């Protein structure tokens, strides 16, 4: 039986901390599913939400877009899912389905897209609602806590890695949740990874090497060779010129975050030589299908630091201050 009330960590104002609230359990509408949440990953995008760095936030909002749980009820018109089935809900929570972007395989750019934990209440709660078209069955190879980071760190990292094309030597700036997943994918594909961390962060550098990184050093150091491509996961605009400097002629810099501080001016010489800069915007459902099928075949293993729902603010603070190796995950149900 679905409880009449659910608990949620709610953001009620810009710059505020999350507040534990009890709310009526939501009911699924047409095409929606009600999910009893077992776990939810904690993402740097959640920090941007807290800091008011994303536009048009409708307060109050429940963050969380790496949602793992089990369906407890289906709205009218839902097909392909049944109560009791385990599903994951990522950042992309809905699109219009009929614009040029949606019809051409670029639904991640839809002007009417809705995002989980931003326009739609997310997974920092005991229950949440999802559009059934944007929920995914999860591989059985992972427990609830371990699979959560695959739903954003993994999916966005996978899309960013694909944008590197056939690059063999790849730099990764910011070695956090996404980097620790794509390093495993890249190594499985036979590529070399060069990890850039905050100066002095020997823990992150050691972690990167343990996952197979060829080299690990500070973001102000030089890798031992010119890179074919670089991915920036840190939200620091000053890393764009640094990454351009690190890639060879014809190389590509991929910016993997939804938000980044302003990019400082830099000499044209860093871009010249047919270097390019590209951003990653969200994900598509095809990304999710491909990656969730691939991850257990590698197999990708996630390192998680686990927090109870009530300690979501602590998890976000640890992420902000760089105290994590891997990903933070909230344990909400019995996962």
C-alpha atoms as a PDB file:
ATOM      1  CA  UNK A   1       0.000   0.000   0.000  1.00  0.00           C
ATOM      2  CA  UNK A   2       1.304   3.442  -0.914  1.00  0.00           C
ATOM      3  CA  UNK A   3       1.763   5.665   2.154  1.00  0.00           C
ATOM      4  CA  UNK A   4      -0.283   8.850   2.334  1.00  0.00           C
ATOM      5  CA  UNK A   5       2.817  10.970   2.965  1.00  0.00           C
ATOM      6  CA  UNK A   6       6.412  10.963   1.757  1.00  0.00           C
ATOM      7  CA  UNK A   7       9.573  12.586   3.072  1.00  0.00           C
ATOM      8  CA  UNK A   8      11.676  14.837   0.873  1.00  0.00           C
ATOM      9  CA  UNK A   9      14.679  17.146   1.059  1.00  0.00           C
ATOM     10  CA  UNK A  10      13.361  20.362  -0.459  1.00  0.00           C
ATOM     11  CA  UNK A  11      15.093  23.468  -1.794  1.00  0.00           C
ATOM     12  CA  UNK A  12      12.806  26.358  -0.862  1.00  0.00           C
ATOM     13  CA  UNK A  13      14.870  29.407  -1.874  1.00  0.00           C
ATOM     14  CA  UNK A  14      18.042  30.322  -3.776  1.00  0.00           C
ATOM     15  CA  UNK A  15      21.195  29.767  -1.792  1.00  0.00           C
ATOM     16  CA  UNK A  16      19.379  27.939   0.988  1.00  0.00           C
ATOM     17  CA  UNK A  17      20.060  24.541   2.451  1.00  0.00           C
ATOM     18  CA  UNK A  18      17.756  21.631   1.766  1.00  0.00           C
ATOM     19  CA  UNK A  19      14.998  21.210   4.332  1.00  0.00           C
ATOM     20  CA  UNK A  20      13.403  17.898   5.306  1.00  0.00           C
ATOM     21  CA  UNK A  21       9.666  18.106   4.692  1.00  0.00           C
ATOM     22  CA  UNK A  22       6.737  15.713   4.812  1.00  0.00           C
ATOM     23  CA  UNK A  23       4.404  15.982   1.824  1.00  0.00           C
ATOM     24  CA  UNK A  24       1.438  14.078   0.442  1.00  0.00           C
ATOM     25  CA  UNK A  25       2.607  11.191  -1.689  1.00  0.00           C
ATOM     26  CA  UNK A  26       2.177  12.276  -5.315  1.00  0.00           C
ATOM     27  CA  UNK A  27      -0.163  10.409  -7.655  1.00  0.00           C
ATOM     28  CA  UNK A  28       0.838   9.447 -11.194  1.00  0.00           C
ATOM     29  CA  UNK A  29      -1.036  11.116 -14.024  1.00  0.00           C
ATOM     30  CA  UNK A  30      -1.541   9.810 -17.534  1.00  0.00           C
ATOM     31  CA  UNK A  31       1.679   8.329 -18.880  1.00  0.00           C
ATOM     32  CA  UNK A  32       3.432   8.586 -15.513  1.00  0.00           C
ATOM     33  CA  UNK A  33       4.712   6.147 -12.908  1.00  0.00           C
ATOM     34  CA  UNK A  34       5.010   6.544  -9.146  1.00  0.00           C
ATOM     35  CA  UNK A  35       8.378   5.313  -7.887  1.00  0.00           C
ATOM     36  CA  UNK A  36       9.361   4.316  -4.374  1.00  0.00           C
ATOM     37  CA  UNK A  37      12.924   5.602  -4.302  1.00  0.00           C
ATOM     38  CA  UNK A  38      15.687   3.314  -3.029  1.00  0.00           C
ATOM     39  CA  UNK A  39      18.701   5.505  -3.857  1.00  0.00           C
ATOM     40  CA  UNK A  40      19.572   8.758  -5.580  1.00  0.00           C
ATOM     41  CA  UNK A  41      22.969   9.935  -6.742  1.00  0.00           C
ATOM     42  CA  UNK A  42      24.281  13.365  -5.783  1.00  0.00           C
ATOM     43  CA  UNK A  43      25.552  15.457  -8.696  1.00  0.00           C
ATOM     44  CA  UNK A  44      27.418  18.719  -9.150  1.00  0.00           C
ATOM     45  CA  UNK A  45      24.373  19.984 -11.053  1.00  0.00           C
ATOM     46  CA  UNK A  46      22.502  19.758  -7.753  1.00  0.00           C
ATOM     47  CA  UNK A  47      25.036  22.242  -6.364  1.00  0.00           C
ATOM     48  CA  UNK A  48      24.351  24.611  -9.260  1.00  0.00           C
ATOM     49  CA  UNK A  49      20.661  24.321  -8.388  1.00  0.00           C
ATOM     50  CA  UNK A  50      21.331  25.139  -4.734  1.00  0.00           C
ATOM     51  CA  UNK A  51      23.472  28.123  -5.653  1.00  0.00           C
ATOM     52  CA  UNK A  52      20.818  29.527  -8.006  1.00  0.00           C
ATOM     53  CA  UNK A  53      23.158  29.201 -10.995  1.00  0.00           C
ATOM     54  CA  UNK A  54      20.537  27.600 -13.244  1.00  0.00           C
ATOM     55  CA  UNK A  55      17.809  29.754 -14.837  1.00  0.00           C
ATOM     56  CA  UNK A  56      14.076  29.692 -14.101  1.00  0.00           C
ATOM     57  CA  UNK A  57      14.076  27.488 -11.006  1.00  0.00           C
ATOM     58  CA  UNK A  58      10.543  27.058  -9.688  1.00  0.00           C
ATOM     59  CA  UNK A  59      10.767  26.915  -5.906  1.00  0.00           C
ATOM     60  CA  UNK A  60      10.162  24.780  -3.958  1.00  0.00           C
ATOM     61  CA  UNK A  61      11.906  21.959  -5.819  1.00  0.00           C
ATOM     62  CA  UNK A  62      13.150  18.510  -4.818  1.00  0.00           C
ATOM     63  CA  UNK A  63      16.589  17.891  -6.404  1.00  0.00           C
ATOM     64  CA  UNK A  64      17.999  14.594  -7.585  1.00  0.00           C
ATOM     65  CA  UNK A  65      18.278  13.141 -11.084  1.00  0.00           C
ATOM     66  CA  UNK A  66      20.023   9.795 -10.590  1.00  0.00           C
ATOM     67  CA  UNK A  67      16.932   8.078  -9.246  1.00  0.00           C
ATOM     68  CA  UNK A  68      16.758   4.344  -8.563  1.00  0.00           C
ATOM     69  CA  UNK A  69      13.570   2.760  -7.281  1.00  0.00           C
ATOM     70  CA  UNK A  70      10.647   0.488  -7.859  1.00  0.00           C
ATOM     71  CA  UNK A  71       7.353   1.290  -9.511  1.00  0.00           C
ATOM     72  CA  UNK A  72       4.440   1.208  -7.096  1.00  0.00           C
ATOM     73  CA  UNK A  73       1.713   2.576  -9.375  1.00  0.00           C
ATOM     74  CA  UNK A  74       1.185   3.344 -13.057  1.00  0.00           C
ATOM     75  CA  UNK A  75      -0.979   6.078 -14.516  1.00  0.00           C
ATOM     76  CA  UNK A  76      -3.329   5.503 -17.417  1.00  0.00           C
ATOM     77  CA  UNK A  77      -1.714   4.769 -20.756  1.00  0.00           C
ATOM     78  CA  UNK A  78       1.551   3.388 -19.366  1.00  0.00           C
ATOM     79  CA  UNK A  79       2.824   0.337 -21.208  1.00  0.00           C
ATOM     80  CA  UNK A  80       6.002  -1.668 -20.786  1.00  0.00           C
ATOM     81  CA  UNK A  81       6.214  -1.295 -17.001  1.00  0.00           C
ATOM     82  CA  UNK A  82       4.493  -3.054 -14.120  1.00  0.00           C
ATOM     83  CA  UNK A  83       4.426  -2.374 -10.368  1.00  0.00           C
ATOM     84  CA  UNK A  84       7.453  -3.859  -8.632  1.00  0.00           C
ATOM     85  CA  UNK A  85       9.814  -3.298 -11.562  1.00  0.00           C
ATOM     86  CA  UNK A  86      13.106  -1.529 -10.813  1.00  0.00           C
ATOM     87  CA  UNK A  87      13.765   1.549 -12.933  1.00  0.00           C
ATOM     88  CA  UNK A  88      16.148   4.459 -13.179  1.00  0.00           C
ATOM     89  CA  UNK A  89      15.257   8.076 -13.932  1.00  0.00           C
ATOM     90  CA  UNK A  90      17.962  10.389 -15.336  1.00  0.00           C
ATOM     91  CA  UNK A  91      18.291  14.153 -15.885  1.00  0.00           C
ATOM     92  CA  UNK A  92      16.193  14.289 -19.062  1.00  0.00           C
ATOM     93  CA  UNK A  93      12.666  13.920 -17.749  1.00  0.00           C
ATOM     94  CA  UNK A  94      10.510  14.742 -20.758  1.00  0.00           C
ATOM     95  CA  UNK A  95      10.403  16.404 -24.187  1.00  0.00           C
ATOM     96  CA  UNK A  96       7.718  17.635 -26.572  1.00  0.00           C
ATOM     97  CA  UNK A  97       8.294  14.737 -28.972  1.00  0.00           C
ATOM     98  CA  UNK A  98       7.370  16.640 -32.136  1.00  0.00           C
ATOM     99  CA  UNK A  99       9.888  19.470 -32.721  1.00  0.00           C
ATOM    100  CA  UNK A 100      12.744  19.260 -35.204  1.00  0.00           C
ATOM    101  CA  UNK A 101      15.194  18.297 -32.498  1.00  0.00           C
ATOM    102  CA  UNK A 102      13.002  15.482 -31.177  1.00  0.00           C
ATOM    103  CA  UNK A 103      12.334  14.122 -34.647  1.00  0.00           C
ATOM    104  CA  UNK A 104      16.004  14.132 -35.666  1.00  0.00           C
ATOM    105  CA  UNK A 105      17.528  12.236 -32.734  1.00  0.00           C
ATOM    106  CA  UNK A 106      18.505  15.416 -30.869  1.00  0.00           C
ATOM    107  CA  UNK A 107      15.786  15.414 -28.220  1.00  0.00           C
ATOM    108  CA  UNK A 108      18.336  16.609 -25.670  1.00  0.00           C
ATOM    109  CA  UNK A 109      18.082  20.048 -27.320  1.00  0.00           C
ATOM    110  CA  UNK A 110      14.273  20.273 -27.262  1.00  0.00           C
ATOM    111  CA  UNK A 111      13.097  23.765 -26.261  1.00  0.00           C
ATOM    112  CA  UNK A 112      10.328  22.235 -24.143  1.00  0.00           C
ATOM    113  CA  UNK A 113      12.492  19.649 -22.393  1.00  0.00           C
ATOM    114  CA  UNK A 114      11.897  19.084 -18.697  1.00  0.00           C
ATOM    115  CA  UNK A 115      14.612  17.944 -16.332  1.00  0.00           C
ATOM    116  CA  UNK A 116      14.380  15.732 -13.281  1.00  0.00           C
ATOM    117  CA  UNK A 117      15.171  17.533 -10.049  1.00  0.00           C
ATOM    118  CA  UNK A 118      14.954  20.916 -11.810  1.00  0.00           C
ATOM    119  CA  UNK A 119      11.583  21.358 -13.564  1.00  0.00           C
ATOM    120  CA  UNK A 120      10.226  18.077 -12.180  1.00  0.00           C
ATOM    121  CA  UNK A 121      10.623  17.033  -8.543  1.00  0.00           C
ATOM    122  CA  UNK A 122      13.457  14.561  -8.287  1.00  0.00           C
ATOM    123  CA  UNK A 123      14.767  11.726  -6.196  1.00  0.00           C
ATOM    124  CA  UNK A 124      15.807  13.313  -2.893  1.00  0.00           C
ATOM    125  CA  UNK A 125      12.562  11.857  -1.575  1.00  0.00           C
ATOM    126  CA  UNK A 126      10.966   8.591  -0.598  1.00  0.00           C
ATOM    127  CA  UNK A 127       8.656   8.774  -3.635  1.00  0.00           C
ATOM    128  CA  UNK A 128       8.732  10.577  -6.965  1.00  0.00           C
ATOM    129  CA  UNK A 129       6.797  10.769 -10.230  1.00  0.00           C
ATOM    130  CA  UNK A 130       8.392  10.154 -13.630  1.00  0.00           C
ATOM    131  CA  UNK A 131       7.238  10.243 -17.227  1.00  0.00           C
ATOM    132  CA  UNK A 132       7.287   6.526 -18.060  1.00  0.00           C
ATOM    133  CA  UNK A 133       8.829   7.234 -21.473  1.00  0.00           C
ATOM    134  CA  UNK A 134      11.921   8.594 -19.737  1.00  0.00           C
ATOM    135  CA  UNK A 135      12.406   5.834 -17.163  1.00  0.00           C
ATOM    136  CA  UNK A 136      14.641   2.855 -17.876  1.00  0.00           C
ATOM    137  CA  UNK A 137      14.937  -0.741 -16.696  1.00  0.00           C
ATOM    138  CA  UNK A 138      18.259  -1.163 -14.915  1.00  0.00           C
ATOM    139  CA  UNK A 139      20.841  -3.928 -15.359  1.00  0.00           C
ATOM    140  CA  UNK A 140      20.563  -6.645 -12.728  1.00  0.00           C
ATOM    141  CA  UNK A 141      24.340  -6.687 -12.253  1.00  0.00           C
ATOM    142  CA  UNK A 142      24.235  -3.674  -9.917  1.00  0.00           C
ATOM    143  CA  UNK A 143      22.732  -2.978  -6.530  1.00  0.00           C
ATOM    144  CA  UNK A 144      20.616   0.136  -6.024  1.00  0.00           C
ATOM    145  CA  UNK A 145      23.458   2.209  -4.582  1.00  0.00           C
ATOM    146  CA  UNK A 146      26.038   1.181  -7.173  1.00  0.00           C
ATOM    147  CA  UNK A 147      23.806   1.750 -10.192  1.00  0.00           C
ATOM    148  CA  UNK A 148      22.700   5.288  -9.255  1.00  0.00           C
ATOM    149  CA  UNK A 149      25.837   7.100 -10.551  1.00  0.00           C
ATOM    150  CA  UNK A 150      25.412   5.477 -13.948  1.00  0.00           C
ATOM    151  CA  UNK A 151      22.294   7.613 -14.490  1.00  0.00           C
ATOM    152  CA  UNK A 152      24.134  10.936 -14.810  1.00  0.00           C
ATOM    153  CA  UNK A 153      27.855  10.634 -14.160  1.00  0.00           C
ATOM    154  CA  UNK A 154      27.813   7.600 -16.422  1.00  0.00           C
ATOM    155  CA  UNK A 155      25.400   8.836 -19.076  1.00  0.00           C
ATOM    156  CA  UNK A 156      26.842  12.339 -19.454  1.00  0.00           C
ATOM    157  CA  UNK A 157      30.358  10.929 -19.288  1.00  0.00           C
ATOM    158  CA  UNK A 158      29.492   8.405 -21.990  1.00  0.00           C
ATOM    159  CA  UNK A 159      28.088  11.122 -24.259  1.00  0.00           C
ATOM    160  CA  UNK A 160      31.182  13.281 -23.655  1.00  0.00           C
ATOM    161  CA  UNK A 161      33.477  10.354 -24.453  1.00  0.00           C
ATOM    162  CA  UNK A 162      31.608   9.663 -27.687  1.00  0.00           C
ATOM    163  CA  UNK A 163      32.169  13.288 -28.698  1.00  0.00           C
ATOM    164  CA  UNK A 164      35.910  12.623 -28.547  1.00  0.00           C
ATOM    165  CA  UNK A 165      35.571  10.494 -31.668  1.00  0.00           C
ATOM    166  CA  UNK A 166      38.418   8.063 -32.186  1.00  0.00           C
ATOM    167  CA  UNK A 167      40.848   9.953 -29.917  1.00  0.00           C
ATOM    168  CA  UNK A 168      43.407   7.576 -28.412  1.00  0.00           C
ATOM    169  CA  UNK A 169      44.967   9.859 -25.784  1.00  0.00           C
ATOM    170  CA  UNK A 170      42.276  11.633 -23.733  1.00  0.00           C
ATOM    171  CA  UNK A 171      42.710  14.152 -20.946  1.00  0.00           C
ATOM    172  CA  UNK A 172      40.096  14.399 -18.195  1.00  0.00           C
ATOM    173  CA  UNK A 173      39.951  17.640 -16.199  1.00  0.00           C
ATOM    174  CA  UNK A 174      38.216  17.121 -12.839  1.00  0.00           C
ATOM    175  CA  UNK A 175      38.453  13.555 -11.574  1.00  0.00           C
ATOM    176  CA  UNK A 176      35.112  12.964  -9.886  1.00  0.00           C
ATOM    177  CA  UNK A 177      32.080  10.749 -10.412  1.00  0.00           C
ATOM    178  CA  UNK A 178      31.893  11.012 -14.209  1.00  0.00           C
ATOM    179  CA  UNK A 179      35.641  10.713 -14.727  1.00  0.00           C
ATOM    180  CA  UNK A 180      35.948   7.570 -12.642  1.00  0.00           C
ATOM    181  CA  UNK A 181      33.315   5.897 -14.828  1.00  0.00           C
ATOM    182  CA  UNK A 182      34.533   6.989 -18.252  1.00  0.00           C
ATOM    183  CA  UNK A 183      38.124   6.096 -17.387  1.00  0.00           C
ATOM    184  CA  UNK A 184      36.965   2.497 -17.135  1.00  0.00           C
ATOM    185  CA  UNK A 185      35.122   2.727 -20.456  1.00  0.00           C
ATOM    186  CA  UNK A 186      38.043   4.394 -22.231  1.00  0.00           C
ATOM    187  CA  UNK A 187      40.538   1.829 -20.933  1.00  0.00           C
ATOM    188  CA  UNK A 188      38.208  -1.009 -22.042  1.00  0.00           C
ATOM    189  CA  UNK A 189      38.175   0.605 -25.497  1.00  0.00           C
ATOM    190  CA  UNK A 190      41.969   0.612 -25.579  1.00  0.00           C
ATOM    191  CA  UNK A 191      42.439   4.355 -25.044  1.00  0.00           C
ATOM    192  CA  UNK A 192      44.851   6.102 -22.687  1.00  0.00           C
ATOM    193  CA  UNK A 193      43.532   8.482 -20.023  1.00  0.00           C
ATOM    194  CA  UNK A 194      45.401  11.441 -18.537  1.00  0.00           C
ATOM    195  CA  UNK A 195      43.794  12.731 -15.337  1.00  0.00           C
ATOM    196  CA  UNK A 196      44.008  16.377 -14.252  1.00  0.00           C
ATOM    197  CA  UNK A 197      43.048  17.214 -10.663  1.00  0.00           C
ATOM    198  CA  UNK A 198      43.163  20.147  -8.282  1.00  0.00           C
ATOM    199  CA  UNK A 199      46.772  21.013  -7.384  1.00  0.00           C
ATOM    200  CA  UNK A 200      47.902  18.876  -4.464  1.00  0.00           C
ATOM    201  CA  UNK A 201      45.011  16.411  -4.666  1.00  0.00           C
ATOM    202  CA  UNK A 202      47.164  13.308  -4.428  1.00  0.00           C
ATOM    203  CA  UNK A 203      44.145  11.224  -3.341  1.00  0.00           C
ATOM    204  CA  UNK A 204      42.326  11.869  -6.627  1.00  0.00           C
ATOM    205  CA  UNK A 205      45.518  11.289  -8.589  1.00  0.00           C
ATOM    206  CA  UNK A 206      46.092   7.957  -6.865  1.00  0.00           C
ATOM    207  CA  UNK A 207      42.449   7.001  -7.485  1.00  0.00           C
ATOM    208  CA  UNK A 208      42.839   7.809 -11.189  1.00  0.00           C
ATOM    209  CA  UNK A 209      45.944   5.643 -11.475  1.00  0.00           C
ATOM    210  CA  UNK A 210      44.192   2.782  -9.676  1.00  0.00           C
ATOM    211  CA  UNK A 211      41.551   2.839 -12.444  1.00  0.00           C
ATOM    212  CA  UNK A 212      44.169   2.633 -15.158  1.00  0.00           C
ATOM    213  CA  UNK A 213      44.992   6.258 -15.944  1.00  0.00           C
ATOM    214  CA  UNK A 214      48.320   6.456 -17.758  1.00  0.00           C
ATOM    215  CA  UNK A 215      49.204   9.721 -16.025  1.00  0.00           C
ATOM    216  CA  UNK A 216      47.707  11.841 -13.259  1.00  0.00           C
ATOM    217  CA  UNK A 217      48.747  15.304 -12.196  1.00  0.00           C
ATOM    218  CA  UNK A 218      47.592  18.805 -11.314  1.00  0.00           C
ATOM    219  CA  UNK A 219      45.622  20.913 -13.789  1.00  0.00           C
ATOM    220  CA  UNK A 220      48.580  23.307 -14.043  1.00  0.00           C
ATOM    221  CA  UNK A 221      50.961  20.512 -15.056  1.00  0.00           C
ATOM    222  CA  UNK A 222      51.640  19.170 -18.543  1.00  0.00           C
ATOM    223  CA  UNK A 223      50.868  15.619 -19.600  1.00  0.00           C
ATOM    224  CA  UNK A 224      53.823  13.726 -21.118  1.00  0.00           C
ATOM    225  CA  UNK A 225      52.461  14.072 -24.682  1.00  0.00           C
ATOM    226  CA  UNK A 226      49.981  16.159 -26.693  1.00  0.00           C
ATOM    227  CA  UNK A 227      46.433  14.840 -26.262  1.00  0.00           C
ATOM    228  CA  UNK A 228      44.007  13.915 -29.022  1.00  0.00           C
ATOM    229  CA  UNK A 229      41.046  15.199 -26.983  1.00  0.00           C
ATOM    230  CA  UNK A 230      40.174  16.501 -23.535  1.00  0.00           C
ATOM    231  CA  UNK A 231      36.988  16.402 -21.481  1.00  0.00           C
ATOM    232  CA  UNK A 232      36.312  19.031 -18.819  1.00  0.00           C
ATOM    233  CA  UNK A 233      34.015  17.944 -16.006  1.00  0.00           C
ATOM    234  CA  UNK A 234      35.022  20.655 -13.519  1.00  0.00           C
ATOM    235  CA  UNK A 235      32.851  23.774 -13.654  1.00  0.00           C
ATOM    236  CA  UNK A 236      35.877  26.059 -14.020  1.00  0.00           C
ATOM    237  CA  UNK A 237      35.976  28.135 -17.210  1.00  0.00           C
ATOM    238  CA  UNK A 238      39.705  28.758 -16.823  1.00  0.00           C
ATOM    239  CA  UNK A 239      40.293  25.101 -17.687  1.00  0.00           C
ATOM    240  CA  UNK A 240      39.169  25.636 -21.293  1.00  0.00           C
ATOM    241  CA  UNK A 241      42.366  27.464 -22.334  1.00  0.00           C
ATOM    242  CA  UNK A 242      44.385  24.931 -20.322  1.00  0.00           C
ATOM    243  CA  UNK A 243      42.730  22.049 -22.153  1.00  0.00           C
ATOM    244  CA  UNK A 244      43.247  23.714 -25.547  1.00  0.00           C
ATOM    245  CA  UNK A 245      46.908  24.057 -24.702  1.00  0.00           C
ATOM    246  CA  UNK A 246      47.063  20.356 -23.859  1.00  0.00           C
ATOM    247  CA  UNK A 247      45.548  19.020 -27.111  1.00  0.00           C
ATOM    248  CA  UNK A 248      47.376  18.602 -30.401  1.00  0.00           C
ATOM    249  CA  UNK A 249      46.450  20.324 -33.667  1.00  0.00           C
ATOM    250  CA  UNK A 250      43.086  18.982 -34.785  1.00  0.00           C
ATOM    251  CA  UNK A 251      42.232  18.020 -31.202  1.00  0.00           C
ATOM    252  CA  UNK A 252      38.897  18.603 -29.503  1.00  0.00           C
ATOM    253  CA  UNK A 253      37.946  19.954 -26.076  1.00  0.00           C
ATOM    254  CA  UNK A 254      34.578  18.712 -24.761  1.00  0.00           C
ATOM    255  CA  UNK A 255      32.884  20.633 -21.948  1.00  0.00           C
ATOM    256  CA  UNK A 256      30.789  18.133 -20.009  1.00  0.00           C
ATOM    257  CA  UNK A 257      28.957  20.299 -17.471  1.00  0.00           C
ATOM    258  CA  UNK A 258      25.594  22.032 -17.612  1.00  0.00           C
ATOM    259  CA  UNK A 259      27.120  25.118 -15.978  1.00  0.00           C
ATOM    260  CA  UNK A 260      30.603  26.595 -16.062  1.00  0.00           C
ATOM    261  CA  UNK A 261      32.148  29.819 -14.826  1.00  0.00           C
ATOM    262  CA  UNK A 262      33.034  32.357 -17.512  1.00  0.00           C
ATOM    263  CA  UNK A 263      35.788  31.327 -19.889  1.00  0.00           C
ATOM    264  CA  UNK A 264      38.617  33.878 -19.766  1.00  0.00           C
ATOM    265  CA  UNK A 265      40.087  35.429 -22.887  1.00  0.00           C
ATOM    266  CA  UNK A 266      42.857  33.449 -24.528  1.00  0.00           C
ATOM    267  CA  UNK A 267      45.098  33.888 -27.569  1.00  0.00           C
ATOM    268  CA  UNK A 268      43.741  32.657 -30.875  1.00  0.00           C
ATOM    269  CA  UNK A 269      46.897  30.564 -31.234  1.00  0.00           C
ATOM    270  CA  UNK A 270      45.463  28.096 -28.702  1.00  0.00           C
ATOM    271  CA  UNK A 271      42.442  27.464 -30.943  1.00  0.00           C
ATOM    272  CA  UNK A 272      44.260  27.689 -34.244  1.00  0.00           C
ATOM    273  CA  UNK A 273      45.406  24.482 -35.904  1.00  0.00           C
ATOM    274  CA  UNK A 274      41.815  23.242 -36.281  1.00  0.00           C
ATOM    275  CA  UNK A 275      41.330  22.614 -32.607  1.00  0.00           C
ATOM    276  CA  UNK A 276      37.663  22.765 -31.540  1.00  0.00           C
ATOM    277  CA  UNK A 277      35.512  23.252 -28.450  1.00  0.00           C
ATOM    278  CA  UNK A 278      32.209  21.451 -28.012  1.00  0.00           C
ATOM    279  CA  UNK A 279      29.661  21.311 -25.195  1.00  0.00           C
ATOM    280  CA  UNK A 280      27.583  18.380 -24.006  1.00  0.00           C
ATOM    281  CA  UNK A 281      23.924  19.218 -23.433  1.00  0.00           C
ATOM    282  CA  UNK A 282      21.979  16.707 -21.403  1.00  0.00           C
ATOM    283  CA  UNK A 283      21.452  13.208 -22.864  1.00  0.00           C
ATOM    284  CA  UNK A 284      19.111  11.318 -25.127  1.00  0.00           C
ATOM    285  CA  UNK A 285      17.165   8.157 -24.408  1.00  0.00           C
ATOM    286  CA  UNK A 286      19.331   6.395 -26.983  1.00  0.00           C
ATOM    287  CA  UNK A 287      22.396   7.320 -24.897  1.00  0.00           C
ATOM    288  CA  UNK A 288      20.714   5.691 -21.909  1.00  0.00           C
ATOM    289  CA  UNK A 289      19.812   2.513 -23.748  1.00  0.00           C
ATOM    290  CA  UNK A 290      23.313   2.121 -25.187  1.00  0.00           C
ATOM    291  CA  UNK A 291      25.188   2.878 -21.987  1.00  0.00           C
ATOM    292  CA  UNK A 292      23.043   0.799 -19.642  1.00  0.00           C
ATOM    293  CA  UNK A 293      23.567  -2.165 -21.965  1.00  0.00           C
ATOM    294  CA  UNK A 294      27.324  -1.532 -22.208  1.00  0.00           C
ATOM    295  CA  UNK A 295      28.193  -0.852 -18.554  1.00  0.00           C
ATOM    296  CA  UNK A 296      27.773  -4.419 -17.230  1.00  0.00           C
ATOM    297  CA  UNK A 297      29.693  -5.864 -20.172  1.00  0.00           C
ATOM    298  CA  UNK A 298      32.867  -3.911 -19.347  1.00  0.00           C
ATOM    299  CA  UNK A 299      32.025  -4.121 -16.390  1.00  0.00           C
ATOM    300  CA  UNK A 300      31.959  -0.564 -15.024  1.00  0.00           C
ATOM    301  CA  UNK A 301      32.328  -0.497 -11.242  1.00  0.00           C
ATOM    302  CA  UNK A 302      31.289   2.559  -9.258  1.00  0.00           C
ATOM    303  CA  UNK A 303      32.827   3.753  -6.015  1.00  0.00           C
ATOM    304  CA  UNK A 304      30.170   5.327  -3.815  1.00  0.00           C
ATOM    305  CA  UNK A 305      30.060   7.184  -0.520  1.00  0.00           C
ATOM    306  CA  UNK A 306      26.661   6.560   1.058  1.00  0.00           C
ATOM    307  CA  UNK A 307      24.560   9.042   3.053  1.00  0.00           C
ATOM    308  CA  UNK A 308      21.045   8.800   4.499  1.00  0.00           C
ATOM    309  CA  UNK A 309      18.437  11.073   2.936  1.00  0.00           C
ATOM    310  CA  UNK A 310      18.530  13.403   5.939  1.00  0.00           C
ATOM    311  CA  UNK A 311      22.257  14.054   5.328  1.00  0.00           C
ATOM    312  CA  UNK A 312      21.831  15.302   1.770  1.00  0.00           C
ATOM    313  CA  UNK A 313      23.279  18.696   2.741  1.00  0.00           C
ATOM    314  CA  UNK A 314      26.403  17.006   4.089  1.00  0.00           C
ATOM    315  CA  UNK A 315      26.777  14.987   0.890  1.00  0.00           C
ATOM    316  CA  UNK A 316      26.515  18.162  -1.185  1.00  0.00           C
ATOM    317  CA  UNK A 317      29.036  19.930   1.031  1.00  0.00           C
ATOM    318  CA  UNK A 318      31.499  17.042   0.710  1.00  0.00           C
ATOM    319  CA  UNK A 319      31.069  17.187  -3.072  1.00  0.00           C
ATOM    320  CA  UNK A 320      31.568  20.965  -3.093  1.00  0.00           C
ATOM    321  CA  UNK A 321      34.774  20.717  -1.051  1.00  0.00           C
ATOM    322  CA  UNK A 322      36.262  17.833  -3.033  1.00  0.00           C
ATOM    323  CA  UNK A 323      36.176  15.354  -0.164  1.00  0.00           C
ATOM    324  CA  UNK A 324      34.845  12.459  -2.279  1.00  0.00           C
ATOM    325  CA  UNK A 325      36.498   9.775  -4.370  1.00  0.00           C
ATOM    326  CA  UNK A 326      33.920   8.571  -6.857  1.00  0.00           C
ATOM    327  CA  UNK A 327      30.264   9.426  -6.316  1.00  0.00           C
ATOM    328  CA  UNK A 328      27.956  10.330  -3.417  1.00  0.00           C
ATOM    329  CA  UNK A 329      24.678   8.450  -3.168  1.00  0.00           C
ATOM    330  CA  UNK A 330      21.714   8.907  -0.833  1.00  0.00           C
ATOM    331  CA  UNK A 331      20.328   5.700   0.629  1.00  0.00           C
ATOM    332  CA  UNK A 332      16.579   6.265   0.820  1.00  0.00           C
ATOM    333  CA  UNK A 333      14.954   2.840   0.732  1.00  0.00           C
ATOM    334  CA  UNK A 334      16.302  -0.629   1.338  1.00  0.00           C
ATOM    335  CA  UNK A 335      18.854  -0.562  -1.524  1.00  0.00           C
END
